[in-house]
Amino acid sequence: MYTQSRVHTTPPTPSGSHQPDLSVQNRITRIAPSPTGALHLGNARTFLINWAIARQRNWSIVLRIEDLDTPRVKPGVIERTIETLAWMGLDWDSGPIIQSESLDRHHGAMQSLAKRGLVYPCTLTRSQIEAAPSAPNEGDHETRFDASLRPQSVPDAFNDAGTNWRLIVNKGDITFDDAFCGTHSIDPSKTIGDFVVWTQRSCPSYQLAVVVDDHHEGINEIVRGDDLLDSTARQLTLMNALGYTPTAQYTHLPLVRGSDGRRLAKRHGDTRIDSYREHGTTQERLIGLLGFWSGITDTRTEMSINDFLEAFDLDTLPRKDITFTPEDDQWLIP
């Protein structure tokens, strides 16, 4: 539950925990790849598990292509991404929805936030932000934005789409129950501070786009990697600021990592599904590896997607992250 404030100078402070309204009969999830590159094995495992849970529980599936990171979207990747998902055996009930084709509602959300005095433009550089005594770097890619860096006054209109805009984030824990990870309490003011909701590329940030699109599409079951647990706290903060009633149940899954412990990526070699296909990997061999990683089998065994669907059980999914090994690679390319 969240309390709502009538004073529109700072976001209402959340009170209590996020309890989704599970009485909503139509449960809807989304598979939402970002076409910044070809799908790799980590993406495949998350999307396959999401799909299997949805089909087991009769949820509807929306396919949404999150293409707002425009400088990194390569020509033809969107079409290739959709084709790869279909090759894996995944299906969906609506979509594909191309995120960048519906920016009007994101503009509307920014206007709403600005009218309530909850956002402000910010031209500070990363080095300037890091120079603040109480704004240490909290992660590999993001620097915490301390409240001391806020301007003394904020505009009441969203009138400069070519500048970064930040959300005013109050102190206070965001508490939510995750279907796999349990209860989490995160204070975004401590982990990230006033985070960017609109970018200087004239498009919404990931956080704003996901919140607005999930609300518009009625998404109430969100299955994704547990590296986004902190993002959930930010997104619930944004929902509160926009006046949305949180209805989603979250399920955050362990990641697939390289031997160095970092999330699977290009630095770990070519783990793209398309590359394995080009080397002759079959759907059954890929699904078999993902089934092995998901606790269905004790050894790597070829498996159809229907076998995966029948055997997958969230309760027996390994709790620890999976490490991609040379043996896994050799299994896919025998």
C-alpha atoms as a PDB file:
ATOM      1  CA  MET A   1       0.000   0.000   0.000  1.00  0.00           C
ATOM      2  CA  TYR A   2       1.102   3.567  -0.625  1.00  0.00           C
ATOM      3  CA  THR A   3      -0.141   6.733   1.010  1.00  0.00           C
ATOM      4  CA  GLN A   4      -0.981   9.578  -1.343  1.00  0.00           C
ATOM      5  CA  SER A   5      -0.035  13.177  -0.625  1.00  0.00           C
ATOM      6  CA  ARG A   6      -1.901  16.295  -1.741  1.00  0.00           C
ATOM      7  CA  VAL A   7       1.258  18.402  -1.509  1.00  0.00           C
ATOM      8  CA  HIS A   8       2.844  18.310  -4.948  1.00  0.00           C
ATOM      9  CA  THR A   9       6.385  19.446  -4.146  1.00  0.00           C
ATOM     10  CA  THR A  10       8.011  16.077  -3.506  1.00  0.00           C
ATOM     11  CA  PRO A  11       6.867  12.533  -4.195  1.00  0.00           C
ATOM     12  CA  PRO A  12       4.644  10.939  -1.565  1.00  0.00           C
ATOM     13  CA  THR A  13       6.655   8.795   0.808  1.00  0.00           C
ATOM     14  CA  PRO A  14       5.748   5.106   0.520  1.00  0.00           C
ATOM     15  CA  SER A  15       4.241   3.510   3.590  1.00  0.00           C
ATOM     16  CA  GLY A  16       4.078  -0.228   4.242  1.00  0.00           C
ATOM     17  CA  SER A  17       4.805  -2.880   1.648  1.00  0.00           C
ATOM     18  CA  HIS A  18       3.847  -3.331  -1.977  1.00  0.00           C
ATOM     19  CA  GLN A  19       1.082  -5.947  -1.989  1.00  0.00           C
ATOM     20  CA  PRO A  20      -0.180  -6.594  -5.520  1.00  0.00           C
ATOM     21  CA  ASP A  21      -3.871  -7.074  -6.077  1.00  0.00           C
ATOM     22  CA  LEU A  22      -3.801 -10.756  -7.035  1.00  0.00           C
ATOM     23  CA  SER A  23      -7.605 -10.798  -7.243  1.00  0.00           C
ATOM     24  CA  VAL A  24      -7.226  -9.391 -10.755  1.00  0.00           C
ATOM     25  CA  GLN A  25      -8.395 -12.313 -12.879  1.00  0.00           C
ATOM     26  CA  ASN A  26      -6.467 -11.565 -16.047  1.00  0.00           C
ATOM     27  CA  ARG A  27      -2.796 -12.066 -15.341  1.00  0.00           C
ATOM     28  CA  ILE A  28      -0.559 -10.608 -18.031  1.00  0.00           C
ATOM     29  CA  THR A  29       3.206 -10.867 -18.377  1.00  0.00           C
ATOM     30  CA  ARG A  30       5.623  -9.578 -20.975  1.00  0.00           C
ATOM     31  CA  ILE A  31       8.688 -10.872 -22.730  1.00  0.00           C
ATOM     32  CA  ALA A  32      10.654  -7.704 -23.381  1.00  0.00           C
ATOM     33  CA  PRO A  33      13.976  -8.091 -25.206  1.00  0.00           C
ATOM     34  CA  SER A  34      16.117  -5.060 -25.949  1.00  0.00           C
ATOM     35  CA  PRO A  35      17.499  -5.151 -29.508  1.00  0.00           C
ATOM     36  CA  THR A  36      20.912  -3.722 -28.625  1.00  0.00           C
ATOM     37  CA  GLY A  37      22.436  -6.993 -29.801  1.00  0.00           C
ATOM     38  CA  ALA A  38      21.604 -10.611 -30.503  1.00  0.00           C
ATOM     39  CA  LEU A  39      19.998 -12.694 -27.743  1.00  0.00           C
ATOM     40  CA  HIS A  40      22.490 -14.668 -25.664  1.00  0.00           C
ATOM     41  CA  LEU A  41      22.124 -17.694 -23.405  1.00  0.00           C
ATOM     42  CA  GLY A  42      21.305 -15.645 -20.310  1.00  0.00           C
ATOM     43  CA  ASN A  43      18.463 -13.851 -22.092  1.00  0.00           C
ATOM     44  CA  ALA A  44      17.210 -17.181 -23.439  1.00  0.00           C
ATOM     45  CA  ARG A  45      16.985 -18.783 -20.008  1.00  0.00           C
ATOM     46  CA  THR A  46      15.050 -15.871 -18.487  1.00  0.00           C
ATOM     47  CA  PHE A  47      12.628 -15.636 -21.413  1.00  0.00           C
ATOM     48  CA  LEU A  48      12.088 -19.409 -21.474  1.00  0.00           C
ATOM     49  CA  ILE A  49      11.299 -19.537 -17.749  1.00  0.00           C
ATOM     50  CA  ASN A  50       8.994 -16.536 -18.070  1.00  0.00           C
ATOM     51  CA  TRP A  51       7.190 -18.246 -20.957  1.00  0.00           C
ATOM     52  CA  ALA A  52       6.898 -21.569 -19.112  1.00  0.00           C
ATOM     53  CA  ILE A  53       5.461 -20.001 -15.955  1.00  0.00           C
ATOM     54  CA  ALA A  54       2.967 -18.041 -18.044  1.00  0.00           C
ATOM     55  CA  ARG A  55       1.787 -21.067 -19.995  1.00  0.00           C
ATOM     56  CA  GLN A  56       1.539 -23.207 -16.844  1.00  0.00           C
ATOM     57  CA  ARG A  57      -0.589 -20.579 -15.093  1.00  0.00           C
ATOM     58  CA  ASN A  58      -2.642 -19.390 -18.065  1.00  0.00           C
ATOM     59  CA  TRP A  59      -1.223 -15.883 -18.122  1.00  0.00           C
ATOM     60  CA  SER A  60      -1.373 -13.851 -21.311  1.00  0.00           C
ATOM     61  CA  ILE A  61       2.000 -12.959 -22.843  1.00  0.00           C
ATOM     62  CA  VAL A  62       2.814  -9.623 -24.476  1.00  0.00           C
ATOM     63  CA  LEU A  63       5.924  -9.385 -26.657  1.00  0.00           C
ATOM     64  CA  ARG A  64       7.398  -5.906 -26.272  1.00  0.00           C
ATOM     65  CA  ILE A  65      10.566  -4.763 -28.017  1.00  0.00           C
ATOM     66  CA  GLU A  66      12.313  -2.230 -25.782  1.00  0.00           C
ATOM     67  CA  ASP A  67      14.213  -0.278 -28.421  1.00  0.00           C
ATOM     68  CA  LEU A  68      14.611   3.103 -26.726  1.00  0.00           C
ATOM     69  CA  ASP A  69      18.379   2.763 -26.353  1.00  0.00           C
ATOM     70  CA  THR A  70      18.464   4.068 -29.913  1.00  0.00           C
ATOM     71  CA  PRO A  71      22.217   4.667 -30.380  1.00  0.00           C
ATOM     72  CA  ARG A  72      22.822   0.965 -29.831  1.00  0.00           C
ATOM     73  CA  VAL A  73      19.935  -0.532 -31.843  1.00  0.00           C
ATOM     74  CA  LYS A  74      21.347  -2.070 -35.004  1.00  0.00           C
ATOM     75  CA  PRO A  75      19.342  -2.378 -38.243  1.00  0.00           C
ATOM     76  CA  GLY A  76      17.566  -5.694 -38.596  1.00  0.00           C
ATOM     77  CA  VAL A  77      18.117  -6.743 -34.989  1.00  0.00           C
ATOM     78  CA  ILE A  78      14.455  -6.329 -34.031  1.00  0.00           C
ATOM     79  CA  GLU A  79      13.331  -8.714 -36.750  1.00  0.00           C
ATOM     80  CA  ARG A  80      16.134 -11.144 -35.899  1.00  0.00           C
ATOM     81  CA  THR A  81      15.236 -11.042 -32.203  1.00  0.00           C
ATOM     82  CA  ILE A  82      11.608 -11.945 -32.913  1.00  0.00           C
ATOM     83  CA  GLU A  83      12.665 -14.753 -35.255  1.00  0.00           C
ATOM     84  CA  THR A  84      15.084 -16.173 -32.668  1.00  0.00           C
ATOM     85  CA  LEU A  85      12.419 -16.272 -29.975  1.00  0.00           C
ATOM     86  CA  ALA A  86      10.121 -18.111 -32.361  1.00  0.00           C
ATOM     87  CA  TRP A  87      12.913 -20.557 -33.271  1.00  0.00           C
ATOM     88  CA  MET A  88      13.278 -21.380 -29.576  1.00  0.00           C
ATOM     89  CA  GLY A  89       9.607 -22.353 -29.566  1.00  0.00           C
ATOM     90  CA  LEU A  90       8.271 -19.374 -27.631  1.00  0.00           C
ATOM     91  CA  ASP A  91       4.933 -17.850 -28.553  1.00  0.00           C
ATOM     92  CA  TRP A  92       2.928 -14.877 -27.314  1.00  0.00           C
ATOM     93  CA  ASP A  93      -0.648 -13.637 -27.312  1.00  0.00           C
ATOM     94  CA  SER A  94      -0.153 -10.031 -28.420  1.00  0.00           C
ATOM     95  CA  GLY A  95       2.580  -7.993 -30.010  1.00  0.00           C
ATOM     96  CA  PRO A  96       5.220  -7.412 -30.980  1.00  0.00           C
ATOM     97  CA  ILE A  97       4.808  -3.924 -29.553  1.00  0.00           C
ATOM     98  CA  ILE A  98       7.661  -1.603 -30.550  1.00  0.00           C
ATOM     99  CA  GLN A  99       8.292   0.667 -27.582  1.00  0.00           C
ATOM    100  CA  SER A 100       9.610   3.630 -29.566  1.00  0.00           C
ATOM    101  CA  GLU A 101       6.380   3.880 -31.570  1.00  0.00           C
ATOM    102  CA  SER A 102       4.356   5.071 -28.561  1.00  0.00           C
ATOM    103  CA  LEU A 103       6.285   7.984 -27.074  1.00  0.00           C
ATOM    104  CA  ASP A 104       3.188  10.175 -26.619  1.00  0.00           C
ATOM    105  CA  ARG A 105       2.224   8.460 -23.377  1.00  0.00           C
ATOM    106  CA  HIS A 106       5.769   8.877 -22.037  1.00  0.00           C
ATOM    107  CA  HIS A 107       5.577  12.599 -22.791  1.00  0.00           C
ATOM    108  CA  GLY A 108       2.224  12.663 -20.985  1.00  0.00           C
ATOM    109  CA  ALA A 109       3.735  10.995 -17.934  1.00  0.00           C
ATOM    110  CA  MET A 110       6.517  13.591 -17.837  1.00  0.00           C
ATOM    111  CA  GLN A 111       3.987  16.414 -18.075  1.00  0.00           C
ATOM    112  CA  SER A 112       2.100  14.896 -15.154  1.00  0.00           C
ATOM    113  CA  LEU A 113       5.251  14.624 -13.048  1.00  0.00           C
ATOM    114  CA  ALA A 114       6.291  18.173 -13.915  1.00  0.00           C
ATOM    115  CA  LYS A 115       2.897  19.662 -13.027  1.00  0.00           C
ATOM    116  CA  ARG A 116       3.240  18.082  -9.597  1.00  0.00           C
ATOM    117  CA  GLY A 117       6.742  19.481  -9.151  1.00  0.00           C
ATOM    118  CA  LEU A 118       8.332  16.041  -8.996  1.00  0.00           C
ATOM    119  CA  VAL A 119      10.954  16.280 -11.753  1.00  0.00           C
ATOM    120  CA  TYR A 120      13.589  18.761 -12.835  1.00  0.00           C
ATOM    121  CA  PRO A 121      16.090  19.165 -15.684  1.00  0.00           C
ATOM    122  CA  CYS A 122      19.698  18.388 -14.856  1.00  0.00           C
ATOM    123  CA  THR A 123      22.809  19.133 -16.930  1.00  0.00           C
ATOM    124  CA  LEU A 124      25.408  18.062 -14.365  1.00  0.00           C
ATOM    125  CA  THR A 125      28.103  15.742 -15.668  1.00  0.00           C
ATOM    126  CA  ARG A 126      29.022  12.466 -14.017  1.00  0.00           C
ATOM    127  CA  SER A 127      32.261  13.953 -12.703  1.00  0.00           C
ATOM    128  CA  GLN A 128      30.341  16.840 -11.142  1.00  0.00           C
ATOM    129  CA  ILE A 129      27.935  14.402  -9.493  1.00  0.00           C
ATOM    130  CA  GLU A 130      30.770  12.242  -8.192  1.00  0.00           C
ATOM    131  CA  ALA A 131      32.430  15.323  -6.721  1.00  0.00           C
ATOM    132  CA  ALA A 132      29.588  15.745  -4.218  1.00  0.00           C
ATOM    133  CA  PRO A 133      30.870  14.572  -0.783  1.00  0.00           C
ATOM    134  CA  SER A 134      27.746  12.489  -0.084  1.00  0.00           C
ATOM    135  CA  ALA A 135      27.306  11.048  -3.559  1.00  0.00           C
ATOM    136  CA  PRO A 136      29.658   8.049  -3.854  1.00  0.00           C
ATOM    137  CA  ASN A 137      29.624   5.749  -6.841  1.00  0.00           C
ATOM    138  CA  GLU A 138      27.247   2.910  -5.912  1.00  0.00           C
ATOM    139  CA  GLY A 139      27.701   0.664  -8.931  1.00  0.00           C
ATOM    140  CA  ASP A 140      29.543  -0.121 -12.119  1.00  0.00           C
ATOM    141  CA  HIS A 141      27.498   2.178 -14.331  1.00  0.00           C
ATOM    142  CA  GLU A 142      25.574   4.592 -12.103  1.00  0.00           C
ATOM    143  CA  THR A 143      26.498   7.254  -9.627  1.00  0.00           C
ATOM    144  CA  ARG A 144      24.239   8.123  -6.719  1.00  0.00           C
ATOM    145  CA  PHE A 145      22.685  11.562  -7.127  1.00  0.00           C
ATOM    146  CA  ASP A 146      22.493  13.217  -3.727  1.00  0.00           C
ATOM    147  CA  ALA A 147      19.608  15.482  -2.715  1.00  0.00           C
ATOM    148  CA  SER A 148      22.098  18.295  -2.082  1.00  0.00           C
ATOM    149  CA  LEU A 149      22.559  18.580  -5.858  1.00  0.00           C
ATOM    150  CA  ARG A 150      18.910  19.421  -6.551  1.00  0.00           C
ATOM    151  CA  PRO A 151      18.070  22.896  -7.864  1.00  0.00           C
ATOM    152  CA  GLN A 152      16.408  25.321  -5.447  1.00  0.00           C
ATOM    153  CA  SER A 153      13.279  25.451  -7.598  1.00  0.00           C
ATOM    154  CA  VAL A 154      11.767  23.110 -10.148  1.00  0.00           C
ATOM    155  CA  PRO A 155       9.703  23.928 -13.257  1.00  0.00           C
ATOM    156  CA  ASP A 156       6.006  23.133 -13.424  1.00  0.00           C
ATOM    157  CA  ALA A 157       6.119  22.028 -17.066  1.00  0.00           C
ATOM    158  CA  PHE A 158       8.083  19.514 -19.090  1.00  0.00           C
ATOM    159  CA  ASN A 159       9.447  21.929 -21.657  1.00  0.00           C
ATOM    160  CA  ASP A 160      12.907  20.671 -22.653  1.00  0.00           C
ATOM    161  CA  ALA A 161      12.949  17.131 -24.031  1.00  0.00           C
ATOM    162  CA  GLY A 162      16.616  17.433 -25.029  1.00  0.00           C
ATOM    163  CA  THR A 163      17.880  17.483 -21.435  1.00  0.00           C
ATOM    164  CA  ASN A 164      18.173  14.851 -18.741  1.00  0.00           C
ATOM    165  CA  TRP A 165      15.359  15.076 -16.180  1.00  0.00           C
ATOM    166  CA  ARG A 166      15.490  13.535 -12.709  1.00  0.00           C
ATOM    167  CA  LEU A 167      12.810  12.416 -10.266  1.00  0.00           C
ATOM    168  CA  ILE A 168      12.859  13.792  -6.729  1.00  0.00           C
ATOM    169  CA  VAL A 169      13.320  10.744  -4.502  1.00  0.00           C
ATOM    170  CA  ASN A 170      12.415  10.985  -0.832  1.00  0.00           C
ATOM    171  CA  LYS A 171      14.023   8.939   1.913  1.00  0.00           C
ATOM    172  CA  GLY A 172      12.211   5.744   2.841  1.00  0.00           C
ATOM    173  CA  ASP A 173      12.243   2.029   2.210  1.00  0.00           C
ATOM    174  CA  ILE A 174      10.294   0.493  -0.637  1.00  0.00           C
ATOM    175  CA  THR A 175       9.183  -2.964   0.518  1.00  0.00           C
ATOM    176  CA  PHE A 176       7.860  -5.594  -1.870  1.00  0.00           C
ATOM    177  CA  ASP A 177       7.288  -9.334  -1.862  1.00  0.00           C
ATOM    178  CA  ASP A 178       9.002 -11.265  -4.618  1.00  0.00           C
ATOM    179  CA  ALA A 179       7.619 -14.653  -5.632  1.00  0.00           C
ATOM    180  CA  PHE A 180      11.109 -16.183  -5.752  1.00  0.00           C
ATOM    181  CA  CYS A 181      13.432 -13.919  -3.759  1.00  0.00           C
ATOM    182  CA  GLY A 182      11.098 -13.174  -0.847  1.00  0.00           C
ATOM    183  CA  THR A 183      10.581  -9.811   0.835  1.00  0.00           C
ATOM    184  CA  HIS A 184      12.944  -6.973  -0.023  1.00  0.00           C
ATOM    185  CA  SER A 185      13.262  -3.479   1.411  1.00  0.00           C
ATOM    186  CA  ILE A 186      15.286  -0.975  -0.601  1.00  0.00           C
ATOM    187  CA  ASP A 187      15.657   2.772  -0.107  1.00  0.00           C
ATOM    188  CA  PRO A 188      16.270   4.309  -3.567  1.00  0.00           C
ATOM    189  CA  SER A 189      17.376   7.577  -1.972  1.00  0.00           C
ATOM    190  CA  LYS A 190      20.373   5.667  -0.587  1.00  0.00           C
ATOM    191  CA  THR A 191      21.121   3.399  -3.555  1.00  0.00           C
ATOM    192  CA  ILE A 192      20.675   5.831  -6.451  1.00  0.00           C
ATOM    193  CA  GLY A 193      19.100   9.096  -5.256  1.00  0.00           C
ATOM    194  CA  ASP A 194      17.294  11.304  -7.778  1.00  0.00           C
ATOM    195  CA  PHE A 195      17.433   9.075 -10.843  1.00  0.00           C
ATOM    196  CA  VAL A 196      17.030   9.989 -14.511  1.00  0.00           C
ATOM    197  CA  VAL A 197      13.530   9.538 -15.926  1.00  0.00           C
ATOM    198  CA  TRP A 198      14.062  11.361 -19.222  1.00  0.00           C
ATOM    199  CA  THR A 199      17.272  11.420 -21.248  1.00  0.00           C
ATOM    200  CA  GLN A 200      18.981  14.031 -23.357  1.00  0.00           C
ATOM    201  CA  ARG A 201      18.341  11.800 -26.390  1.00  0.00           C
ATOM    202  CA  SER A 202      14.725  13.078 -26.236  1.00  0.00           C
ATOM    203  CA  CYS A 203      13.324   9.774 -25.011  1.00  0.00           C
ATOM    204  CA  PRO A 204      12.278   8.286 -21.659  1.00  0.00           C
ATOM    205  CA  SER A 205      14.740   6.395 -19.517  1.00  0.00           C
ATOM    206  CA  TYR A 206      14.340   2.657 -19.080  1.00  0.00           C
ATOM    207  CA  GLN A 207      12.721   3.190 -15.677  1.00  0.00           C
ATOM    208  CA  LEU A 208      10.014   5.562 -16.884  1.00  0.00           C
ATOM    209  CA  ALA A 209       9.331   3.671 -20.105  1.00  0.00           C
ATOM    210  CA  VAL A 210       8.846   0.349 -18.313  1.00  0.00           C
ATOM    211  CA  VAL A 211       6.515   1.830 -15.701  1.00  0.00           C
ATOM    212  CA  VAL A 212       4.357   3.687 -18.223  1.00  0.00           C
ATOM    213  CA  ASP A 213       4.190   0.821 -20.717  1.00  0.00           C
ATOM    214  CA  ASP A 214       3.472  -1.843 -18.087  1.00  0.00           C
ATOM    215  CA  HIS A 215       0.645   0.332 -16.767  1.00  0.00           C
ATOM    216  CA  HIS A 216      -0.758   0.958 -20.244  1.00  0.00           C
ATOM    217  CA  GLU A 217      -0.570  -2.714 -21.252  1.00  0.00           C
ATOM    218  CA  GLY A 218      -1.970  -4.037 -17.966  1.00  0.00           C
ATOM    219  CA  ILE A 219       1.171  -6.008 -17.113  1.00  0.00           C
ATOM    220  CA  ASN A 220       0.755  -7.523 -13.645  1.00  0.00           C
ATOM    221  CA  GLU A 221       3.257 -10.409 -13.682  1.00  0.00           C
ATOM    222  CA  ILE A 222       6.891  -9.394 -14.121  1.00  0.00           C
ATOM    223  CA  VAL A 223       9.538 -12.109 -14.464  1.00  0.00           C
ATOM    224  CA  ARG A 224      13.136 -10.972 -14.957  1.00  0.00           C
ATOM    225  CA  GLY A 225      16.715 -11.240 -13.682  1.00  0.00           C
ATOM    226  CA  ASP A 226      17.519 -10.444 -10.073  1.00  0.00           C
ATOM    227  CA  ASP A 227      19.977  -7.767 -11.163  1.00  0.00           C
ATOM    228  CA  LEU A 228      16.819  -5.640 -11.498  1.00  0.00           C
ATOM    229  CA  LEU A 229      15.704  -5.932  -7.867  1.00  0.00           C
ATOM    230  CA  ASP A 230      16.971  -2.412  -7.256  1.00  0.00           C
ATOM    231  CA  SER A 231      15.098  -1.227 -10.349  1.00  0.00           C
ATOM    232  CA  THR A 232      11.889  -2.581  -8.866  1.00  0.00           C
ATOM    233  CA  ALA A 233      12.235  -0.171  -5.963  1.00  0.00           C
ATOM    234  CA  ARG A 234      12.765   2.710  -8.384  1.00  0.00           C
ATOM    235  CA  GLN A 235       9.820   1.671 -10.517  1.00  0.00           C
ATOM    236  CA  LEU A 236       7.507   1.416  -7.512  1.00  0.00           C
ATOM    237  CA  THR A 237       8.671   4.900  -6.518  1.00  0.00           C
ATOM    238  CA  LEU A 238       7.733   6.138  -9.988  1.00  0.00           C
ATOM    239  CA  MET A 239       4.342   4.415  -9.853  1.00  0.00           C
ATOM    240  CA  ASN A 240       3.653   6.209  -6.617  1.00  0.00           C
ATOM    241  CA  ALA A 241       4.683   9.556  -8.106  1.00  0.00           C
ATOM    242  CA  LEU A 242       2.441   8.993 -11.162  1.00  0.00           C
ATOM    243  CA  GLY A 243      -0.513   7.925  -9.052  1.00  0.00           C
ATOM    244  CA  TYR A 244      -0.575   4.382 -10.441  1.00  0.00           C
ATOM    245  CA  THR A 245      -1.909   1.612  -8.223  1.00  0.00           C
ATOM    246  CA  PRO A 246       0.748  -1.130  -8.102  1.00  0.00           C
ATOM    247  CA  THR A 247      -0.795  -4.436  -9.216  1.00  0.00           C
ATOM    248  CA  ALA A 248       2.232  -6.449 -10.344  1.00  0.00           C
ATOM    249  CA  GLN A 249       3.681  -9.560  -8.760  1.00  0.00           C
ATOM    250  CA  TYR A 250       7.460  -9.704  -9.242  1.00  0.00           C
ATOM    251  CA  THR A 251       9.543 -12.822  -9.804  1.00  0.00           C
ATOM    252  CA  HIS A 252      13.278 -12.144 -10.000  1.00  0.00           C
ATOM    253  CA  LEU A 253      15.450 -15.002 -11.227  1.00  0.00           C
ATOM    254  CA  PRO A 254      19.141 -15.835 -10.676  1.00  0.00           C
ATOM    255  CA  LEU A 255      21.431 -14.839 -13.520  1.00  0.00           C
ATOM    256  CA  VAL A 256      23.748 -16.714 -15.841  1.00  0.00           C
ATOM    257  CA  ARG A 257      27.303 -15.514 -15.261  1.00  0.00           C
ATOM    258  CA  GLY A 258      30.701 -16.026 -16.788  1.00  0.00           C
ATOM    259  CA  SER A 259      33.624 -17.683 -15.026  1.00  0.00           C
ATOM    260  CA  ASP A 260      34.650 -14.274 -13.660  1.00  0.00           C
ATOM    261  CA  GLY A 261      31.339 -13.967 -11.800  1.00  0.00           C
ATOM    262  CA  ARG A 262      30.079 -11.142 -13.975  1.00  0.00           C
ATOM    263  CA  ARG A 263      26.758 -11.255 -15.799  1.00  0.00           C
ATOM    264  CA  LEU A 264      27.046 -13.109 -19.104  1.00  0.00           C
ATOM    265  CA  ALA A 265      27.986 -10.699 -21.895  1.00  0.00           C
ATOM    266  CA  LYS A 266      30.240 -10.245 -24.921  1.00  0.00           C
ATOM    267  CA  ARG A 267      33.322 -10.270 -22.683  1.00  0.00           C
ATOM    268  CA  HIS A 268      32.721 -13.988 -22.094  1.00  0.00           C
ATOM    269  CA  GLY A 269      32.919 -14.877 -25.770  1.00  0.00           C
ATOM    270  CA  ASP A 270      30.226 -15.452 -28.340  1.00  0.00           C
ATOM    271  CA  THR A 271      27.201 -16.878 -26.479  1.00  0.00           C
ATOM    272  CA  ARG A 272      24.624 -15.598 -28.957  1.00  0.00           C
ATOM    273  CA  ILE A 273      21.818 -17.976 -29.827  1.00  0.00           C
ATOM    274  CA  ASP A 274      22.235 -17.106 -33.511  1.00  0.00           C
ATOM    275  CA  SER A 275      25.894 -18.112 -33.442  1.00  0.00           C
ATOM    276  CA  TYR A 276      25.081 -21.497 -31.966  1.00  0.00           C
ATOM    277  CA  ARG A 277      22.387 -21.985 -34.590  1.00  0.00           C
ATOM    278  CA  GLU A 278      24.921 -21.234 -37.315  1.00  0.00           C
ATOM    279  CA  HIS A 279      27.148 -23.968 -35.843  1.00  0.00           C
ATOM    280  CA  GLY A 280      24.297 -26.464 -36.058  1.00  0.00           C
ATOM    281  CA  THR A 281      22.905 -26.344 -32.530  1.00  0.00           C
ATOM    282  CA  THR A 282      19.369 -27.696 -32.429  1.00  0.00           C
ATOM    283  CA  GLN A 283      16.464 -26.313 -30.473  1.00  0.00           C
ATOM    284  CA  GLU A 284      16.406 -29.511 -28.380  1.00  0.00           C
ATOM    285  CA  ARG A 285      20.074 -29.132 -27.451  1.00  0.00           C
ATOM    286  CA  LEU A 286      19.621 -25.503 -26.422  1.00  0.00           C
ATOM    287  CA  ILE A 287      16.476 -26.241 -24.408  1.00  0.00           C
ATOM    288  CA  GLY A 288      18.293 -29.194 -22.826  1.00  0.00           C
ATOM    289  CA  LEU A 289      21.061 -26.930 -21.529  1.00  0.00           C
ATOM    290  CA  LEU A 290      18.550 -24.402 -20.224  1.00  0.00           C
ATOM    291  CA  GLY A 291      16.643 -27.248 -18.560  1.00  0.00           C
ATOM    292  CA  PHE A 292      19.856 -28.437 -16.895  1.00  0.00           C
ATOM    293  CA  TRP A 293      20.487 -24.890 -15.660  1.00  0.00           C
ATOM    294  CA  SER A 294      16.894 -24.697 -14.403  1.00  0.00           C
ATOM    295  CA  GLY A 295      17.067 -27.776 -12.203  1.00  0.00           C
ATOM    296  CA  ILE A 296      14.958 -30.023 -14.440  1.00  0.00           C
ATOM    297  CA  THR A 297      17.720 -32.562 -15.160  1.00  0.00           C
ATOM    298  CA  ASP A 298      20.930 -33.570 -13.413  1.00  0.00           C
ATOM    299  CA  THR A 299      22.855 -33.769 -16.673  1.00  0.00           C
ATOM    300  CA  ARG A 300      22.710 -32.018 -20.023  1.00  0.00           C
ATOM    301  CA  THR A 301      20.038 -33.887 -21.978  1.00  0.00           C
ATOM    302  CA  GLU A 302      18.272 -32.972 -25.197  1.00  0.00           C
ATOM    303  CA  MET A 303      14.780 -31.735 -24.432  1.00  0.00           C
ATOM    304  CA  SER A 304      11.821 -30.400 -26.380  1.00  0.00           C
ATOM    305  CA  ILE A 305      10.209 -27.159 -25.328  1.00  0.00           C
ATOM    306  CA  ASN A 306       7.062 -29.108 -24.400  1.00  0.00           C
ATOM    307  CA  ASP A 307       9.162 -31.310 -22.104  1.00  0.00           C
ATOM    308  CA  PHE A 308      10.562 -28.171 -20.496  1.00  0.00           C
ATOM    309  CA  LEU A 309       7.066 -26.757 -20.070  1.00  0.00           C
ATOM    310  CA  GLU A 310       5.783 -29.918 -18.387  1.00  0.00           C
ATOM    311  CA  ALA A 311       8.792 -30.382 -16.099  1.00  0.00           C
ATOM    312  CA  PHE A 312       9.703 -26.838 -15.038  1.00  0.00           C
ATOM    313  CA  ASP A 313       8.983 -26.020 -11.398  1.00  0.00           C
ATOM    314  CA  LEU A 314       9.836 -22.629  -9.931  1.00  0.00           C
ATOM    315  CA  ASP A 315      10.159 -24.230  -6.496  1.00  0.00           C
ATOM    316  CA  THR A 316      13.089 -26.373  -7.639  1.00  0.00           C
ATOM    317  CA  LEU A 317      14.873 -23.677  -9.659  1.00  0.00           C
ATOM    318  CA  PRO A 318      18.451 -23.371  -8.321  1.00  0.00           C
ATOM    319  CA  ARG A 319      18.739 -20.436  -5.940  1.00  0.00           C
ATOM    320  CA  LYS A 320      22.283 -19.561  -6.943  1.00  0.00           C
ATOM    321  CA  ASP A 321      23.456 -17.948 -10.160  1.00  0.00           C
ATOM    322  CA  ILE A 322      24.500 -20.271 -12.965  1.00  0.00           C
ATOM    323  CA  THR A 323      28.081 -20.201 -14.265  1.00  0.00           C
ATOM    324  CA  PHE A 324      28.527 -20.740 -17.988  1.00  0.00           C
ATOM    325  CA  THR A 325      31.338 -23.277 -18.450  1.00  0.00           C
ATOM    326  CA  PRO A 326      33.431 -24.612 -21.357  1.00  0.00           C
ATOM    327  CA  GLU A 327      31.467 -27.870 -20.940  1.00  0.00           C
ATOM    328  CA  ASP A 328      28.244 -25.962 -21.632  1.00  0.00           C
ATOM    329  CA  ASP A 329      29.745 -24.495 -24.777  1.00  0.00           C
ATOM    330  CA  GLN A 330      30.976 -27.927 -25.922  1.00  0.00           C
ATOM    331  CA  TRP A 331      27.505 -29.379 -25.311  1.00  0.00           C
ATOM    332  CA  LEU A 332      25.953 -26.834 -27.657  1.00  0.00           C
ATOM    333  CA  ILE A 333      28.601 -27.409 -30.332  1.00  0.00           C
ATOM    334  CA  PRO A 334      29.446 -31.130 -30.077  1.00  0.00           C
END
